[in-house]
Amino acid sequence: MRVLIASHAEKTHFLGMVPLAWALRAAGHEVMVASQPELMPTVASTGLPAVPVGHDHILHSLFDLRTNLFSGETRDDAPFALDEEVLTPGDTPPDEYSWDELVAEAKSSVMMWWKILNDPMVVGLTDFCRWWRPDLVVWEPLTFAAPVAA
């Protein structure tokens, strides 16, 4: 069986899937890892075969431009703004959120985080799946490009 392991380019998100990938290989399955180019050295260090798809996300660059969330220092000349309050380590979130607050947060998260991580790889990942035709696609929970490609 052909198994594709998909992850956006974050080491901590990918490394948790390595034991599963090796277990699948040990069971005789053909395993391939697909991710953005930035993750390729990490994948190579695990000994798994890999294919780069799309291009790297810019999430870290956006944080570097705007704010250091741990020190609270911000730059006003950044090309975007954080419109809502950001919880930092040590903050205590409110006990309850209204439905409207939850919906607003979900919309914000999609645009600020998940779209930035996944948009750069969805076309390349889909193209690779069409070509390689995996029997199973396994993805880490924030790589929303993978179910689209699957």
C-alpha atoms as a PDB file:
ATOM      1  CA  MET A   1       0.000   0.000   0.000  1.00  0.00           C
ATOM      2  CA  ARG A   2       1.228   3.514  -0.801  1.00  0.00           C
ATOM      3  CA  VAL A   3       1.064   5.857   2.192  1.00  0.00           C
ATOM      4  CA  LEU A   4       1.663   9.591   2.019  1.00  0.00           C
ATOM      5  CA  ILE A   5       2.590  11.392   5.240  1.00  0.00           C
ATOM      6  CA  ALA A   6       1.862  15.130   4.940  1.00  0.00           C
ATOM      7  CA  SER A   7       2.938  17.964   7.209  1.00  0.00           C
ATOM      8  CA  HIS A   8       3.440  21.678   6.851  1.00  0.00           C
ATOM      9  CA  ALA A   9       7.005  22.810   7.527  1.00  0.00           C
ATOM     10  CA  GLU A  10       7.108  22.660  11.313  1.00  0.00           C
ATOM     11  CA  LYS A  11       9.501  20.157  12.877  1.00  0.00           C
ATOM     12  CA  THR A  12       7.436  19.600  16.009  1.00  0.00           C
ATOM     13  CA  HIS A  13       4.341  18.779  13.974  1.00  0.00           C
ATOM     14  CA  PHE A  14       6.161  16.363  11.672  1.00  0.00           C
ATOM     15  CA  LEU A  15       8.377  14.502  14.154  1.00  0.00           C
ATOM     16  CA  GLY A  16       5.412  12.999  15.997  1.00  0.00           C
ATOM     17  CA  MET A  17       4.482  11.099  12.830  1.00  0.00           C
ATOM     18  CA  VAL A  18       7.919   9.557  12.244  1.00  0.00           C
ATOM     19  CA  PRO A  19       7.326   6.409  14.362  1.00  0.00           C
ATOM     20  CA  LEU A  20       4.105   5.712  12.446  1.00  0.00           C
ATOM     21  CA  ALA A  21       5.884   6.210   9.132  1.00  0.00           C
ATOM     22  CA  TRP A  22       8.623   3.764  10.127  1.00  0.00           C
ATOM     23  CA  ALA A  23       6.087   1.244  11.432  1.00  0.00           C
ATOM     24  CA  LEU A  24       4.310   1.386   8.081  1.00  0.00           C
ATOM     25  CA  ARG A  25       7.605   0.862   6.238  1.00  0.00           C
ATOM     26  CA  ALA A  26       8.514  -2.027   8.538  1.00  0.00           C
ATOM     27  CA  ALA A  27       5.155  -3.607   7.689  1.00  0.00           C
ATOM     28  CA  GLY A  28       6.089  -3.474   4.000  1.00  0.00           C
ATOM     29  CA  HIS A  29       4.232  -0.373   2.867  1.00  0.00           C
ATOM     30  CA  GLU A  30       5.661   2.237   0.527  1.00  0.00           C
ATOM     31  CA  VAL A  31       5.865   5.500   2.494  1.00  0.00           C
ATOM     32  CA  MET A  32       6.556   9.012   1.227  1.00  0.00           C
ATOM     33  CA  VAL A  33       6.642  12.269   3.187  1.00  0.00           C
ATOM     34  CA  ALA A  34       5.389  15.452   1.512  1.00  0.00           C
ATOM     35  CA  SER A  35       6.054  18.877   2.955  1.00  0.00           C
ATOM     36  CA  GLN A  36       7.279  22.330   2.145  1.00  0.00           C
ATOM     37  CA  PRO A  37      10.948  22.642   1.122  1.00  0.00           C
ATOM     38  CA  GLU A  38      12.022  24.069   4.489  1.00  0.00           C
ATOM     39  CA  LEU A  39      11.266  20.745   6.207  1.00  0.00           C
ATOM     40  CA  MET A  40      13.273  18.577   3.789  1.00  0.00           C
ATOM     41  CA  PRO A  41      16.510  18.523   5.866  1.00  0.00           C
ATOM     42  CA  THR A  42      14.533  17.387   8.917  1.00  0.00           C
ATOM     43  CA  VAL A  43      12.758  14.674   6.932  1.00  0.00           C
ATOM     44  CA  ALA A  44      16.075  13.533   5.473  1.00  0.00           C
ATOM     45  CA  SER A  45      17.507  13.223   8.987  1.00  0.00           C
ATOM     46  CA  THR A  46      14.782  10.670   9.809  1.00  0.00           C
ATOM     47  CA  GLY A  47      15.778   8.474   6.860  1.00  0.00           C
ATOM     48  CA  LEU A  48      12.347   8.680   5.251  1.00  0.00           C
ATOM     49  CA  PRO A  49      11.915   9.428   1.546  1.00  0.00           C
ATOM     50  CA  ALA A  50      10.403  12.830   0.873  1.00  0.00           C
ATOM     51  CA  VAL A  51       9.119  15.151  -1.803  1.00  0.00           C
ATOM     52  CA  PRO A  52       9.012  18.946  -1.468  1.00  0.00           C
ATOM     53  CA  VAL A  53       5.646  20.427  -2.438  1.00  0.00           C
ATOM     54  CA  GLY A  54       4.727  24.056  -2.964  1.00  0.00           C
ATOM     55  CA  HIS A  55       6.832  26.675  -1.261  1.00  0.00           C
ATOM     56  CA  ASP A  56       7.627  27.585   2.334  1.00  0.00           C
ATOM     57  CA  HIS A  57       5.100  29.395   4.506  1.00  0.00           C
ATOM     58  CA  ILE A  58       5.917  32.838   5.905  1.00  0.00           C
ATOM     59  CA  LEU A  59       4.340  32.594   9.356  1.00  0.00           C
ATOM     60  CA  HIS A  60       7.594  33.062  11.269  1.00  0.00           C
ATOM     61  CA  SER A  61       8.539  36.041   9.124  1.00  0.00           C
ATOM     62  CA  LEU A  62       5.248  37.725   9.946  1.00  0.00           C
ATOM     63  CA  PHE A  63       5.849  37.305  13.658  1.00  0.00           C
ATOM     64  CA  ASP A  64       9.383  38.638  13.318  1.00  0.00           C
ATOM     65  CA  LEU A  65       8.051  41.709  11.530  1.00  0.00           C
ATOM     66  CA  ARG A  66       5.270  42.534  13.940  1.00  0.00           C
ATOM     67  CA  THR A  67       5.931  41.468  17.480  1.00  0.00           C
ATOM     68  CA  ASN A  68       7.901  39.459  19.917  1.00  0.00           C
ATOM     69  CA  LEU A  69       5.033  37.748  21.740  1.00  0.00           C
ATOM     70  CA  PHE A  70       7.201  36.782  24.678  1.00  0.00           C
ATOM     71  CA  SER A  71       8.581  40.253  25.433  1.00  0.00           C
ATOM     72  CA  GLY A  72       5.511  42.170  24.305  1.00  0.00           C
ATOM     73  CA  GLU A  73       7.576  44.518  22.126  1.00  0.00           C
ATOM     74  CA  THR A  74       5.848  45.508  18.898  1.00  0.00           C
ATOM     75  CA  ARG A  75       6.762  47.364  15.737  1.00  0.00           C
ATOM     76  CA  ASP A  76       4.341  49.871  14.317  1.00  0.00           C
ATOM     77  CA  ASP A  77       5.875  49.786  10.822  1.00  0.00           C
ATOM     78  CA  ALA A  78       4.908  46.150  10.160  1.00  0.00           C
ATOM     79  CA  PRO A  79       2.792  45.510   7.033  1.00  0.00           C
ATOM     80  CA  PHE A  80      -0.070  44.046   9.093  1.00  0.00           C
ATOM     81  CA  ALA A  81      -1.568  44.480  12.530  1.00  0.00           C
ATOM     82  CA  LEU A  82      -2.848  42.195  15.216  1.00  0.00           C
ATOM     83  CA  ASP A  83      -6.339  43.579  15.726  1.00  0.00           C
ATOM     84  CA  GLU A  84      -7.239  41.631  18.810  1.00  0.00           C
ATOM     85  CA  GLU A  85      -5.591  41.076  22.158  1.00  0.00           C
ATOM     86  CA  VAL A  86      -3.009  38.299  22.091  1.00  0.00           C
ATOM     87  CA  LEU A  87      -2.687  35.906  25.002  1.00  0.00           C
ATOM     88  CA  THR A  88       0.927  35.406  25.940  1.00  0.00           C
ATOM     89  CA  PRO A  89       2.507  32.776  28.226  1.00  0.00           C
ATOM     90  CA  GLY A  90       1.320  33.335  31.776  1.00  0.00           C
ATOM     91  CA  ASP A  91      -1.951  35.006  30.764  1.00  0.00           C
ATOM     92  CA  THR A  92      -5.144  33.455  32.017  1.00  0.00           C
ATOM     93  CA  PRO A  93      -7.822  33.227  29.314  1.00  0.00           C
ATOM     94  CA  PRO A  94     -11.403  34.148  30.190  1.00  0.00           C
ATOM     95  CA  ASP A  95     -13.511  31.294  31.582  1.00  0.00           C
ATOM     96  CA  GLU A  96     -16.257  31.642  29.001  1.00  0.00           C
ATOM     97  CA  TYR A  97     -16.537  32.957  25.477  1.00  0.00           C
ATOM     98  CA  SER A  98     -19.741  33.876  23.698  1.00  0.00           C
ATOM     99  CA  TRP A  99     -20.664  32.129  20.453  1.00  0.00           C
ATOM    100  CA  ASP A 100     -19.890  35.324  18.510  1.00  0.00           C
ATOM    101  CA  GLU A 101     -16.434  35.522  20.128  1.00  0.00           C
ATOM    102  CA  LEU A 102     -15.727  31.883  19.225  1.00  0.00           C
ATOM    103  CA  VAL A 103     -16.804  32.418  15.603  1.00  0.00           C
ATOM    104  CA  ALA A 104     -14.676  35.575  15.348  1.00  0.00           C
ATOM    105  CA  GLU A 105     -11.673  33.728  16.779  1.00  0.00           C
ATOM    106  CA  ALA A 106     -12.154  30.823  14.366  1.00  0.00           C
ATOM    107  CA  LYS A 107     -12.279  33.193  11.393  1.00  0.00           C
ATOM    108  CA  SER A 108      -9.206  35.014  12.646  1.00  0.00           C
ATOM    109  CA  SER A 109      -7.310  31.748  13.163  1.00  0.00           C
ATOM    110  CA  VAL A 110      -8.090  30.529   9.664  1.00  0.00           C
ATOM    111  CA  MET A 111      -6.790  33.720   8.059  1.00  0.00           C
ATOM    112  CA  MET A 112      -3.871  34.416  10.400  1.00  0.00           C
ATOM    113  CA  TRP A 113      -2.514  30.904  10.904  1.00  0.00           C
ATOM    114  CA  TRP A 114      -3.944  28.024   8.932  1.00  0.00           C
ATOM    115  CA  LYS A 115      -4.268  29.708   5.549  1.00  0.00           C
ATOM    116  CA  ILE A 116      -0.706  31.038   5.775  1.00  0.00           C
ATOM    117  CA  LEU A 117       0.600  27.528   6.567  1.00  0.00           C
ATOM    118  CA  ASN A 118      -1.439  25.600   3.997  1.00  0.00           C
ATOM    119  CA  ASP A 119      -1.998  27.801   0.942  1.00  0.00           C
ATOM    120  CA  PRO A 120       1.632  27.586  -0.196  1.00  0.00           C
ATOM    121  CA  MET A 121       1.489  23.788  -0.416  1.00  0.00           C
ATOM    122  CA  VAL A 122      -2.051  22.820  -1.429  1.00  0.00           C
ATOM    123  CA  VAL A 123      -1.536  22.931  -5.219  1.00  0.00           C
ATOM    124  CA  GLY A 124       1.807  21.106  -5.126  1.00  0.00           C
ATOM    125  CA  LEU A 125       0.474  18.487  -2.722  1.00  0.00           C
ATOM    126  CA  THR A 126      -2.626  17.924  -4.846  1.00  0.00           C
ATOM    127  CA  ASP A 127      -0.509  17.595  -7.986  1.00  0.00           C
ATOM    128  CA  PHE A 128       1.764  15.073  -6.279  1.00  0.00           C
ATOM    129  CA  CYS A 129      -1.215  13.013  -5.057  1.00  0.00           C
ATOM    130  CA  ARG A 130      -2.672  12.935  -8.558  1.00  0.00           C
ATOM    131  CA  TRP A 131       0.655  11.697  -9.905  1.00  0.00           C
ATOM    132  CA  TRP A 132       1.698   9.253  -7.133  1.00  0.00           C
ATOM    133  CA  ARG A 133      -1.855   8.073  -6.297  1.00  0.00           C
ATOM    134  CA  PRO A 134      -1.407   7.092  -2.630  1.00  0.00           C
ATOM    135  CA  ASP A 135      -3.817   4.565  -1.107  1.00  0.00           C
ATOM    136  CA  LEU A 136      -3.753   6.394   2.214  1.00  0.00           C
ATOM    137  CA  VAL A 137      -2.924   9.989   3.163  1.00  0.00           C
ATOM    138  CA  VAL A 138      -2.007  10.673   6.790  1.00  0.00           C
ATOM    139  CA  TRP A 139      -1.603  14.260   7.920  1.00  0.00           C
ATOM    140  CA  GLU A 140      -0.835  16.093  11.085  1.00  0.00           C
ATOM    141  CA  PRO A 141      -3.913  17.920  12.399  1.00  0.00           C
ATOM    142  CA  LEU A 142      -3.060  21.414  11.103  1.00  0.00           C
ATOM    143  CA  THR A 143      -2.055  20.438   7.582  1.00  0.00           C
ATOM    144  CA  PHE A 144      -5.458  21.137   6.050  1.00  0.00           C
ATOM    145  CA  ALA A 145      -3.964  20.971   2.548  1.00  0.00           C
ATOM    146  CA  ALA A 146      -3.698  17.171   2.929  1.00  0.00           C
ATOM    147  CA  PRO A 147      -7.416  16.299   3.116  1.00  0.00           C
ATOM    148  CA  VAL A 148      -7.981  18.607   0.142  1.00  0.00           C
ATOM    149  CA  ALA A 149      -5.292  16.740  -1.798  1.00  0.00           C
ATOM    150  CA  ALA A 150      -6.509  13.335  -0.608  1.00  0.00           C
END
